[in-house]
Amino acid sequence: MIMILIVDNHSKNVPLIESILKKQGVESVTKDQKALLKTLDKQKYKGVILSGGVPLLDEKITFNSIRADIACLMNYDVPIMGICVGHEIIGAACGAELVKLKEHSWIPNLKVRILSKEKIFAGLPDAIRVYEHHSRYLKNVPCELVVAASSRKDRIEAVFHTEKPIFGLQFHPEKSGVHGAKIFRNFLDICYC
């Protein structure tokens, strides 16, 4: 049995993530991002999920607001999947530009084009419907990140790191039905490997 660490960035969806993992026979430990640094026990986790949530990555960005997520990216040599804010943190950590939307985006049935049908998108169709809710997005990603999915106006919906098993999803797979469940299954398969 593998153990997955969920970094809770104060998302209401963390119980959904925990439930999906449990249904797939996986144990998880959820740690609040503010408390995580006190017990950065690397040895027992086979993967890390950076949840969506509260940290605002805009002109007021502070290292304190995302330090647990950055610590995971720097210190854990395991697969990492960032969701929404977690995705934005991955992009920002690699040097991507983060753009604030004029209006909050809430689209419960967004069509996303899969550009790289490998890794966490293996076995999915060319286009999927997903749940999206965010106020920022990535732009001008550096060469170490591959854009793996996009939506309207070529907005970046997913990135993969070219050298590490790090994946970012702007949308919420935990609220995206069968396609979201498949993404979680694929991520867990990567963690098993």
N, C-alpha and C. Protein backbone atom coordinates (compact mmCIF):
# COMPACT_ATOMS: atom_id res chain seq x y z
N MET A 1 0.85 -1.19 0.00
CA MET A 1 0.00 0.00 0.00
C MET A 1 0.89 1.24 0.00
N ILE A 2 0.57 2.18 -0.88
CA ILE A 2 1.35 3.41 -0.93
C ILE A 2 0.65 4.50 -0.12
N MET A 3 1.45 5.48 0.29
CA MET A 3 0.93 6.61 1.06
C MET A 3 1.16 7.89 0.26
N ILE A 4 0.11 8.67 0.09
CA ILE A 4 0.18 9.93 -0.64
C ILE A 4 0.02 11.08 0.35
N LEU A 5 0.87 12.08 0.23
CA LEU A 5 0.75 13.30 1.04
C LEU A 5 -0.09 14.31 0.27
N ILE A 6 -1.12 14.84 0.91
CA ILE A 6 -1.92 15.93 0.34
C ILE A 6 -1.56 17.20 1.09
N VAL A 7 -1.04 18.18 0.38
CA VAL A 7 -0.76 19.49 0.99
C VAL A 7 -2.02 20.32 0.85
N ASP A 8 -2.65 20.62 1.97
CA ASP A 8 -3.91 21.35 1.98
C ASP A 8 -3.64 22.85 1.96
N ASN A 9 -3.89 23.46 0.81
CA ASN A 9 -3.76 24.91 0.66
C ASN A 9 -5.08 25.60 0.96
N HIS A 10 -5.83 25.01 1.89
CA HIS A 10 -7.12 25.53 2.35
C HIS A 10 -8.19 25.47 1.25
N SER A 11 -8.26 24.31 0.61
CA SER A 11 -9.26 24.04 -0.41
C SER A 11 -10.44 23.29 0.18
N LYS A 12 -11.65 23.66 -0.25
CA LYS A 12 -12.84 22.93 0.16
C LYS A 12 -12.88 21.54 -0.47
N ASN A 13 -12.08 21.32 -1.50
CA ASN A 13 -12.12 20.07 -2.24
C ASN A 13 -11.22 18.98 -1.68
N VAL A 14 -10.45 19.26 -0.65
CA VAL A 14 -9.54 18.24 -0.10
C VAL A 14 -10.29 16.97 0.30
N PRO A 15 -11.48 17.05 0.95
CA PRO A 15 -12.19 15.81 1.26
C PRO A 15 -12.52 14.98 0.02
N LEU A 16 -12.78 15.64 -1.12
CA LEU A 16 -13.03 14.92 -2.37
C LEU A 16 -11.78 14.18 -2.83
N ILE A 17 -10.63 14.83 -2.72
CA ILE A 17 -9.36 14.19 -3.09
C ILE A 17 -9.11 12.98 -2.20
N GLU A 18 -9.31 13.15 -0.90
CA GLU A 18 -9.13 12.04 0.04
C GLU A 18 -10.05 10.88 -0.30
N SER A 19 -11.30 11.18 -0.65
CA SER A 19 -12.28 10.15 -0.98
C SER A 19 -11.90 9.40 -2.25
N ILE A 20 -11.44 10.12 -3.27
CA ILE A 20 -11.02 9.48 -4.51
C ILE A 20 -9.85 8.53 -4.26
N LEU A 21 -8.88 8.99 -3.47
CA LEU A 21 -7.73 8.13 -3.17
C LEU A 21 -8.18 6.89 -2.39
N LYS A 22 -9.06 7.07 -1.44
CA LYS A 22 -9.55 5.95 -0.64
C LYS A 22 -10.27 4.93 -1.51
N LYS A 23 -11.10 5.41 -2.44
CA LYS A 23 -11.82 4.52 -3.35
C LYS A 23 -10.86 3.73 -4.24
N GLN A 24 -9.68 4.29 -4.48
CA GLN A 24 -8.70 3.60 -5.31
C GLN A 24 -7.74 2.78 -4.46
N GLY A 25 -8.07 2.61 -3.18
CA GLY A 25 -7.29 1.75 -2.30
C GLY A 25 -5.97 2.34 -1.85
N VAL A 26 -5.91 3.66 -1.79
CA VAL A 26 -4.67 4.34 -1.44
C VAL A 26 -4.85 5.11 -0.13
N GLU A 27 -3.88 4.99 0.75
CA GLU A 27 -3.91 5.77 1.98
C GLU A 27 -3.33 7.16 1.72
N SER A 28 -3.86 8.14 2.45
CA SER A 28 -3.33 9.49 2.30
C SER A 28 -3.23 10.15 3.66
N VAL A 29 -2.33 11.11 3.73
CA VAL A 29 -2.17 11.95 4.92
C VAL A 29 -2.33 13.38 4.43
N THR A 30 -3.22 14.12 5.06
CA THR A 30 -3.42 15.51 4.69
C THR A 30 -2.77 16.39 5.74
N LYS A 31 -1.94 17.31 5.26
CA LYS A 31 -1.28 18.24 6.18
C LYS A 31 -1.54 19.66 5.70
N ASP A 32 -1.94 20.50 6.63
CA ASP A 32 -2.14 21.91 6.32
C ASP A 32 -0.80 22.50 5.88
N GLN A 33 -0.85 23.30 4.84
CA GLN A 33 0.40 23.85 4.30
C GLN A 33 1.16 24.67 5.33
N LYS A 34 0.47 25.26 6.31
CA LYS A 34 1.19 26.03 7.33
C LYS A 34 1.89 25.15 8.34
N ALA A 35 1.37 23.93 8.56
CA ALA A 35 1.95 23.03 9.56
C ALA A 35 2.94 22.03 8.96
N LEU A 36 2.92 21.88 7.65
CA LEU A 36 3.71 20.84 7.00
C LEU A 36 5.20 20.94 7.27
N LEU A 37 5.74 22.14 7.27
CA LEU A 37 7.19 22.30 7.40
C LEU A 37 7.73 21.81 8.73
N LYS A 38 6.87 21.72 9.74
CA LYS A 38 7.32 21.23 11.05
C LYS A 38 7.64 19.75 11.02
N THR A 39 7.01 19.02 10.08
CA THR A 39 7.20 17.57 10.02
C THR A 39 7.40 17.13 8.58
N LEU A 40 8.45 17.57 7.96
CA LEU A 40 8.73 17.22 6.56
C LEU A 40 9.39 15.83 6.52
N ASP A 41 8.58 14.81 6.75
CA ASP A 41 9.08 13.43 6.82
C ASP A 41 9.02 12.79 5.43
N LYS A 42 10.12 12.81 4.75
CA LYS A 42 10.18 12.41 3.35
C LYS A 42 10.07 10.90 3.11
N GLN A 43 10.41 10.10 4.07
CA GLN A 43 10.61 8.69 3.80
C GLN A 43 9.35 7.90 3.48
N LYS A 44 8.18 8.28 3.93
CA LYS A 44 7.04 7.39 3.78
C LYS A 44 6.10 7.69 2.62
N TYR A 45 6.24 8.81 1.96
CA TYR A 45 5.31 9.17 0.89
C TYR A 45 5.82 8.71 -0.47
N LYS A 46 4.88 8.23 -1.28
CA LYS A 46 5.21 7.80 -2.64
C LYS A 46 4.74 8.82 -3.67
N GLY A 47 4.05 9.85 -3.23
CA GLY A 47 3.58 10.90 -4.11
C GLY A 47 3.02 12.05 -3.29
N VAL A 48 2.93 13.22 -3.92
CA VAL A 48 2.44 14.43 -3.25
C VAL A 48 1.41 15.10 -4.16
N ILE A 49 0.31 15.52 -3.56
CA ILE A 49 -0.69 16.31 -4.27
C ILE A 49 -0.75 17.68 -3.61
N LEU A 50 -0.52 18.72 -4.40
CA LEU A 50 -0.64 20.10 -3.93
C LEU A 50 -2.05 20.56 -4.27
N SER A 51 -2.88 20.75 -3.27
CA SER A 51 -4.29 21.07 -3.53
C SER A 51 -4.45 22.48 -4.09
N GLY A 52 -5.67 22.73 -4.54
CA GLY A 52 -6.04 24.10 -4.86
C GLY A 52 -6.23 24.85 -3.55
N GLY A 53 -6.72 26.07 -3.62
CA GLY A 53 -6.98 26.76 -2.37
C GLY A 53 -6.73 28.24 -2.38
N VAL A 54 -6.30 28.72 -1.23
CA VAL A 54 -6.29 30.14 -0.93
C VAL A 54 -5.07 30.93 -1.38
N PRO A 55 -3.84 30.39 -1.33
CA PRO A 55 -2.68 31.27 -1.59
C PRO A 55 -2.82 32.06 -2.88
N LEU A 56 -2.70 33.35 -2.79
CA LEU A 56 -2.83 34.20 -3.96
C LEU A 56 -1.46 34.51 -4.53
N LEU A 57 -1.25 34.03 -5.73
CA LEU A 57 0.04 34.26 -6.37
C LEU A 57 -0.11 35.42 -7.35
N ASP A 58 -0.01 36.60 -6.86
CA ASP A 58 -0.11 37.77 -7.71
C ASP A 58 0.97 38.77 -7.30
N GLU A 59 0.72 40.02 -7.48
CA GLU A 59 1.75 41.02 -7.16
C GLU A 59 2.09 41.05 -5.68
N LYS A 60 1.25 40.47 -4.83
CA LYS A 60 1.50 40.46 -3.39
C LYS A 60 2.10 39.13 -2.94
N ILE A 61 2.66 38.36 -3.86
CA ILE A 61 3.17 37.04 -3.51
C ILE A 61 4.22 37.14 -2.40
N THR A 62 4.11 36.24 -1.45
CA THR A 62 5.13 36.14 -0.42
C THR A 62 5.55 34.70 -0.31
N PHE A 63 6.79 34.47 -0.05
CA PHE A 63 7.29 33.11 0.09
C PHE A 63 6.57 32.37 1.21
N ASN A 64 6.21 33.08 2.28
CA ASN A 64 5.53 32.45 3.41
C ASN A 64 4.22 31.80 3.01
N SER A 65 3.52 32.37 2.03
CA SER A 65 2.20 31.85 1.66
C SER A 65 2.28 30.53 0.90
N ILE A 66 3.43 30.22 0.33
CA ILE A 66 3.55 28.99 -0.45
C ILE A 66 4.77 28.17 -0.06
N ARG A 67 5.38 28.44 1.07
CA ARG A 67 6.66 27.79 1.40
C ARG A 67 6.55 26.29 1.54
N ALA A 68 5.42 25.76 2.02
CA ALA A 68 5.28 24.31 2.16
C ALA A 68 5.25 23.65 0.79
N ASP A 69 4.54 24.26 -0.15
CA ASP A 69 4.47 23.71 -1.51
C ASP A 69 5.84 23.73 -2.17
N ILE A 70 6.55 24.83 -2.03
CA ILE A 70 7.90 24.94 -2.59
C ILE A 70 8.82 23.91 -1.94
N ALA A 71 8.69 23.73 -0.62
CA ALA A 71 9.52 22.74 0.08
C ALA A 71 9.28 21.34 -0.48
N CYS A 72 8.03 21.02 -0.79
CA CYS A 72 7.73 19.72 -1.39
C CYS A 72 8.40 19.59 -2.74
N LEU A 73 8.32 20.63 -3.57
CA LEU A 73 8.94 20.58 -4.89
C LEU A 73 10.45 20.41 -4.80
N MET A 74 11.06 21.02 -3.77
CA MET A 74 12.51 20.97 -3.64
C MET A 74 13.01 19.72 -2.93
N ASN A 75 12.24 19.17 -2.00
CA ASN A 75 12.74 18.13 -1.11
C ASN A 75 12.21 16.73 -1.34
N TYR A 76 11.09 16.59 -2.03
CA TYR A 76 10.53 15.27 -2.25
C TYR A 76 10.92 14.76 -3.63
N ASP A 77 11.56 13.60 -3.65
CA ASP A 77 11.95 12.99 -4.92
C ASP A 77 10.90 11.94 -5.29
N VAL A 78 9.64 12.38 -5.39
CA VAL A 78 8.51 11.53 -5.71
C VAL A 78 7.62 12.29 -6.70
N PRO A 79 6.71 11.59 -7.38
CA PRO A 79 5.79 12.30 -8.27
C PRO A 79 4.95 13.33 -7.50
N ILE A 80 4.74 14.48 -8.14
CA ILE A 80 3.96 15.57 -7.55
C ILE A 80 2.92 16.04 -8.56
N MET A 81 1.68 16.17 -8.09
CA MET A 81 0.61 16.69 -8.94
C MET A 81 0.04 17.93 -8.26
N GLY A 82 0.07 19.05 -8.96
CA GLY A 82 -0.50 20.29 -8.44
C GLY A 82 -1.84 20.56 -9.09
N ILE A 83 -2.82 20.90 -8.28
CA ILE A 83 -4.18 21.17 -8.76
C ILE A 83 -4.49 22.65 -8.53
N CYS A 84 -4.91 23.35 -9.57
CA CYS A 84 -5.32 24.75 -9.50
C CYS A 84 -4.19 25.62 -8.91
N VAL A 85 -4.29 26.03 -7.67
CA VAL A 85 -3.22 26.82 -7.06
C VAL A 85 -1.92 26.01 -7.05
N GLY A 86 -2.01 24.70 -6.80
CA GLY A 86 -0.82 23.85 -6.84
C GLY A 86 -0.14 23.90 -8.20
N HIS A 87 -0.93 23.91 -9.26
CA HIS A 87 -0.44 24.05 -10.64
C HIS A 87 0.24 25.41 -10.82
N GLU A 88 -0.39 26.45 -10.31
CA GLU A 88 0.18 27.79 -10.43
C GLU A 88 1.50 27.90 -9.68
N ILE A 89 1.59 27.25 -8.53
CA ILE A 89 2.83 27.25 -7.75
C ILE A 89 3.94 26.54 -8.51
N ILE A 90 3.61 25.41 -9.14
CA ILE A 90 4.61 24.69 -9.95
C ILE A 90 5.11 25.60 -11.06
N GLY A 91 4.19 26.26 -11.75
CA GLY A 91 4.59 27.17 -12.83
C GLY A 91 5.45 28.30 -12.32
N ALA A 92 5.02 28.94 -11.23
CA ALA A 92 5.78 30.07 -10.67
C ALA A 92 7.16 29.62 -10.21
N ALA A 93 7.25 28.43 -9.61
CA ALA A 93 8.54 27.92 -9.13
C ALA A 93 9.51 27.68 -10.28
N CYS A 94 8.97 27.37 -11.46
CA CYS A 94 9.82 27.12 -12.63
C CYS A 94 10.07 28.38 -13.46
N GLY A 95 9.42 29.48 -13.12
CA GLY A 95 9.67 30.75 -13.81
C GLY A 95 8.60 31.15 -14.81
N ALA A 96 7.44 30.49 -14.80
CA ALA A 96 6.36 30.88 -15.71
C ALA A 96 5.74 32.19 -15.24
N GLU A 97 5.11 32.89 -16.15
CA GLU A 97 4.39 34.12 -15.82
C GLU A 97 3.00 33.75 -15.30
N LEU A 98 2.56 34.41 -14.26
CA LEU A 98 1.24 34.18 -13.69
C LEU A 98 0.38 35.41 -13.95
N VAL A 99 -0.74 35.21 -14.64
CA VAL A 99 -1.59 36.32 -15.04
C VAL A 99 -2.90 36.26 -14.25
N LYS A 100 -3.29 37.40 -13.70
CA LYS A 100 -4.53 37.48 -12.94
C LYS A 100 -5.68 37.78 -13.90
N LEU A 101 -6.76 37.01 -13.81
CA LEU A 101 -7.93 37.23 -14.64
C LEU A 101 -8.69 38.48 -14.19
N LYS A 102 -9.36 39.13 -15.12
CA LYS A 102 -10.18 40.29 -14.76
C LYS A 102 -11.38 39.86 -13.93
N GLU A 103 -11.93 38.67 -14.27
CA GLU A 103 -13.04 38.12 -13.51
C GLU A 103 -12.72 36.67 -13.16
N HIS A 104 -13.21 36.24 -12.02
CA HIS A 104 -13.02 34.86 -11.57
C HIS A 104 -13.63 33.92 -12.60
N SER A 105 -12.93 32.85 -12.96
CA SER A 105 -13.42 31.88 -13.94
C SER A 105 -14.03 30.68 -13.21
N TRP A 106 -15.29 30.42 -13.49
CA TRP A 106 -15.97 29.25 -12.94
C TRP A 106 -16.72 28.58 -14.07
N ILE A 107 -16.18 27.46 -14.55
CA ILE A 107 -16.78 26.73 -15.67
C ILE A 107 -16.89 25.27 -15.27
N PRO A 108 -18.09 24.80 -14.97
CA PRO A 108 -18.23 23.42 -14.49
C PRO A 108 -18.09 22.36 -15.57
N ASN A 109 -18.05 22.77 -16.85
CA ASN A 109 -17.99 21.78 -17.93
C ASN A 109 -17.08 22.29 -19.05
N LEU A 110 -15.86 22.67 -18.71
CA LEU A 110 -14.91 23.24 -19.67
C LEU A 110 -14.34 22.17 -20.58
N LYS A 111 -14.28 22.46 -21.88
CA LYS A 111 -13.66 21.54 -22.83
C LYS A 111 -12.16 21.82 -22.87
N VAL A 112 -11.37 20.77 -22.61
CA VAL A 112 -9.91 20.87 -22.60
C VAL A 112 -9.34 19.94 -23.66
N ARG A 113 -8.42 20.46 -24.46
CA ARG A 113 -7.74 19.65 -25.47
C ARG A 113 -6.48 19.04 -24.86
N ILE A 114 -6.37 17.73 -24.97
CA ILE A 114 -5.17 17.04 -24.47
C ILE A 114 -4.12 17.08 -25.57
N LEU A 115 -2.97 17.66 -25.28
CA LEU A 115 -1.91 17.82 -26.26
C LEU A 115 -0.83 16.74 -26.13
N SER A 116 -0.75 16.13 -24.97
CA SER A 116 0.23 15.07 -24.72
C SER A 116 -0.48 13.92 -24.01
N LYS A 117 -0.81 12.88 -24.77
CA LYS A 117 -1.60 11.77 -24.21
C LYS A 117 -0.70 10.71 -23.59
N GLU A 118 0.17 11.16 -22.74
CA GLU A 118 1.04 10.25 -22.00
C GLU A 118 0.97 10.63 -20.53
N LYS A 119 1.68 9.90 -19.73
CA LYS A 119 1.76 10.18 -18.30
C LYS A 119 0.37 10.23 -17.67
N ILE A 120 0.00 11.33 -17.04
CA ILE A 120 -1.29 11.35 -16.34
C ILE A 120 -2.49 11.47 -17.29
N PHE A 121 -2.25 11.72 -18.56
CA PHE A 121 -3.34 11.78 -19.53
C PHE A 121 -3.44 10.51 -20.37
N ALA A 122 -2.68 9.49 -20.04
CA ALA A 122 -2.72 8.23 -20.80
C ALA A 122 -4.13 7.65 -20.77
N GLY A 123 -4.58 7.18 -21.93
CA GLY A 123 -5.88 6.54 -22.02
C GLY A 123 -7.07 7.47 -22.09
N LEU A 124 -6.83 8.78 -22.14
CA LEU A 124 -7.93 9.74 -22.24
C LEU A 124 -8.14 10.14 -23.70
N PRO A 125 -9.36 10.58 -24.04
CA PRO A 125 -9.60 11.04 -25.41
C PRO A 125 -8.87 12.36 -25.70
N ASP A 126 -8.95 12.80 -26.95
CA ASP A 126 -8.26 14.03 -27.37
C ASP A 126 -8.81 15.27 -26.68
N ALA A 127 -10.07 15.22 -26.27
CA ALA A 127 -10.69 16.34 -25.56
C ALA A 127 -11.52 15.78 -24.41
N ILE A 128 -11.46 16.46 -23.27
CA ILE A 128 -12.23 16.03 -22.10
C ILE A 128 -12.98 17.24 -21.54
N ARG A 129 -14.00 16.95 -20.74
CA ARG A 129 -14.75 18.00 -20.04
C ARG A 129 -14.33 17.98 -18.58
N VAL A 130 -14.00 19.16 -18.05
CA VAL A 130 -13.49 19.24 -16.68
C VAL A 130 -14.14 20.41 -15.94
N TYR A 131 -13.95 20.40 -14.63
CA TYR A 131 -14.45 21.46 -13.76
C TYR A 131 -13.31 22.45 -13.51
N GLU A 132 -13.58 23.71 -13.77
CA GLU A 132 -12.54 24.73 -13.56
C GLU A 132 -13.09 25.88 -12.71
N HIS A 133 -12.24 26.33 -11.77
CA HIS A 133 -12.61 27.43 -10.88
C HIS A 133 -11.32 28.09 -10.41
N HIS A 134 -10.98 29.24 -10.96
CA HIS A 134 -9.71 29.88 -10.60
C HIS A 134 -9.74 31.36 -10.97
N SER A 135 -8.71 32.08 -10.54
CA SER A 135 -8.65 33.52 -10.85
C SER A 135 -7.32 33.93 -11.47
N ARG A 136 -6.44 32.96 -11.72
CA ARG A 136 -5.15 33.23 -12.36
C ARG A 136 -4.85 32.10 -13.34
N TYR A 137 -3.89 32.33 -14.24
CA TYR A 137 -3.47 31.26 -15.14
C TYR A 137 -2.01 31.47 -15.53
N LEU A 138 -1.40 30.39 -16.00
CA LEU A 138 0.02 30.44 -16.40
C LEU A 138 0.15 30.90 -17.84
N LYS A 139 1.25 31.59 -18.09
CA LYS A 139 1.57 32.07 -19.43
C LYS A 139 3.08 32.05 -19.57
N ASN A 140 3.58 31.91 -20.78
CA ASN A 140 5.02 31.94 -21.05
C ASN A 140 5.78 30.96 -20.16
N VAL A 141 5.43 29.70 -20.25
CA VAL A 141 6.11 28.71 -19.42
C VAL A 141 7.52 28.47 -19.94
N PRO A 142 8.47 28.21 -19.04
CA PRO A 142 9.86 27.98 -19.44
C PRO A 142 10.01 26.62 -20.12
N CYS A 143 11.17 26.40 -20.72
CA CYS A 143 11.39 25.19 -21.52
C CYS A 143 11.37 23.90 -20.69
N GLU A 144 11.55 23.97 -19.38
CA GLU A 144 11.49 22.73 -18.60
C GLU A 144 10.07 22.27 -18.34
N LEU A 145 9.08 23.07 -18.73
CA LEU A 145 7.68 22.67 -18.62
C LEU A 145 7.10 22.49 -20.02
N VAL A 146 6.41 21.37 -20.22
CA VAL A 146 5.72 21.10 -21.47
C VAL A 146 4.24 21.38 -21.27
N VAL A 147 3.65 22.14 -22.16
CA VAL A 147 2.21 22.38 -22.10
C VAL A 147 1.53 21.09 -22.59
N ALA A 148 0.76 20.46 -21.70
CA ALA A 148 0.17 19.15 -22.00
C ALA A 148 -1.32 19.22 -22.30
N ALA A 149 -1.96 20.34 -22.00
CA ALA A 149 -3.38 20.52 -22.29
C ALA A 149 -3.69 22.01 -22.35
N SER A 150 -4.68 22.35 -23.18
CA SER A 150 -5.08 23.76 -23.29
C SER A 150 -6.58 23.84 -23.50
N SER A 151 -7.10 25.05 -23.37
CA SER A 151 -8.53 25.28 -23.57
C SER A 151 -8.71 26.50 -24.46
N ARG A 152 -9.84 27.15 -24.33
CA ARG A 152 -10.15 28.30 -25.17
C ARG A 152 -9.02 29.33 -25.16
N LYS A 153 -8.85 29.98 -26.27
CA LYS A 153 -7.81 31.00 -26.42
C LYS A 153 -6.43 30.44 -26.08
N ASP A 154 -6.25 29.13 -26.29
CA ASP A 154 -4.97 28.46 -26.01
C ASP A 154 -4.48 28.67 -24.59
N ARG A 155 -5.41 28.80 -23.66
CA ARG A 155 -5.04 28.93 -22.25
C ARG A 155 -4.45 27.62 -21.75
N ILE A 156 -3.36 27.71 -21.00
CA ILE A 156 -2.66 26.52 -20.49
C ILE A 156 -3.49 25.87 -19.39
N GLU A 157 -3.81 24.59 -19.58
CA GLU A 157 -4.61 23.84 -18.60
C GLU A 157 -3.80 22.78 -17.86
N ALA A 158 -2.64 22.40 -18.43
CA ALA A 158 -1.81 21.40 -17.75
C ALA A 158 -0.37 21.53 -18.24
N VAL A 159 0.56 21.25 -17.33
CA VAL A 159 1.98 21.22 -17.67
C VAL A 159 2.62 19.97 -17.08
N PHE A 160 3.65 19.48 -17.77
CA PHE A 160 4.49 18.39 -17.26
C PHE A 160 5.92 18.92 -17.20
N HIS A 161 6.65 18.56 -16.16
CA HIS A 161 8.07 18.88 -16.09
C HIS A 161 8.82 17.92 -17.01
N THR A 162 9.82 18.41 -17.72
CA THR A 162 10.52 17.56 -18.69
C THR A 162 11.45 16.55 -18.05
N GLU A 163 11.95 16.80 -16.84
CA GLU A 163 12.92 15.90 -16.23
C GLU A 163 12.43 15.23 -14.95
N LYS A 164 11.41 15.77 -14.31
CA LYS A 164 10.93 15.23 -13.05
C LYS A 164 9.46 14.84 -13.19
N PRO A 165 8.97 13.90 -12.37
CA PRO A 165 7.56 13.52 -12.44
C PRO A 165 6.67 14.54 -11.71
N ILE A 166 6.64 15.74 -12.27
CA ILE A 166 5.86 16.84 -11.70
C ILE A 166 4.82 17.27 -12.73
N PHE A 167 3.56 17.34 -12.30
CA PHE A 167 2.45 17.63 -13.19
C PHE A 167 1.57 18.70 -12.58
N GLY A 168 1.16 19.66 -13.39
CA GLY A 168 0.27 20.71 -12.91
C GLY A 168 -1.02 20.72 -13.72
N LEU A 169 -2.16 20.84 -13.03
CA LEU A 169 -3.47 20.90 -13.68
C LEU A 169 -4.19 22.15 -13.21
N GLN A 170 -4.53 23.03 -14.15
CA GLN A 170 -5.26 24.25 -13.77
C GLN A 170 -6.68 23.92 -13.31
N PHE A 171 -7.25 22.87 -13.88
CA PHE A 171 -8.61 22.47 -13.53
C PHE A 171 -8.62 21.53 -12.32
N HIS A 172 -9.81 21.12 -11.90
CA HIS A 172 -9.97 20.28 -10.71
C HIS A 172 -10.37 18.86 -11.09
N PRO A 173 -9.43 17.92 -11.16
CA PRO A 173 -9.80 16.55 -11.51
C PRO A 173 -10.71 15.90 -10.47
N GLU A 174 -10.62 16.35 -9.23
CA GLU A 174 -11.46 15.78 -8.17
C GLU A 174 -12.94 16.10 -8.36
N LYS A 175 -13.25 17.03 -9.28
CA LYS A 175 -14.64 17.38 -9.57
C LYS A 175 -14.95 17.19 -11.05
N SER A 176 -14.16 16.35 -11.72
CA SER A 176 -14.28 16.19 -13.18
C SER A 176 -14.72 14.79 -13.60
N GLY A 177 -15.49 14.12 -12.78
CA GLY A 177 -16.10 12.85 -13.17
C GLY A 177 -15.12 11.76 -13.53
N VAL A 178 -15.49 10.96 -14.54
CA VAL A 178 -14.68 9.79 -14.90
C VAL A 178 -13.31 10.18 -15.44
N HIS A 179 -13.23 11.30 -16.15
CA HIS A 179 -11.93 11.74 -16.65
C HIS A 179 -11.00 12.15 -15.51
N GLY A 180 -11.56 12.83 -14.53
CA GLY A 180 -10.77 13.20 -13.35
C GLY A 180 -10.30 11.98 -12.59
N ALA A 181 -11.18 10.98 -12.44
CA ALA A 181 -10.81 9.74 -11.75
C ALA A 181 -9.69 9.02 -12.49
N LYS A 182 -9.73 9.06 -13.83
CA LYS A 182 -8.67 8.43 -14.64
C LYS A 182 -7.34 9.16 -14.44
N ILE A 183 -7.40 10.48 -14.35
CA ILE A 183 -6.17 11.25 -14.10
C ILE A 183 -5.56 10.85 -12.76
N PHE A 184 -6.39 10.73 -11.73
CA PHE A 184 -5.89 10.28 -10.43
C PHE A 184 -5.30 8.88 -10.52
N ARG A 185 -5.98 7.97 -11.24
CA ARG A 185 -5.48 6.60 -11.38
C ARG A 185 -4.11 6.60 -12.06
N ASN A 186 -3.98 7.40 -13.13
CA ASN A 186 -2.71 7.49 -13.84
C ASN A 186 -1.61 8.05 -12.95
N PHE A 187 -1.95 9.08 -12.15
CA PHE A 187 -0.96 9.63 -11.23
C PHE A 187 -0.51 8.58 -10.22
N LEU A 188 -1.46 7.82 -9.70
CA LEU A 188 -1.11 6.77 -8.73
C LEU A 188 -0.27 5.68 -9.37
N ASP A 189 -0.56 5.35 -10.64
CA ASP A 189 0.28 4.37 -11.34
C ASP A 189 1.72 4.86 -11.46
N ILE A 190 1.88 6.15 -11.71
CA ILE A 190 3.22 6.74 -11.77
C ILE A 190 3.89 6.63 -10.40
N CYS A 191 3.12 6.87 -9.34
CA CYS A 191 3.67 6.76 -7.98
C CYS A 191 4.10 5.32 -7.67
N TYR A 192 3.33 4.34 -8.13
CA TYR A 192 3.71 2.93 -7.92
C TYR A 192 5.04 2.62 -8.60
N CYS A 193 5.25 3.23 -9.77
CA CYS A 193 6.50 2.96 -10.51
C CYS A 193 7.70 3.62 -9.88
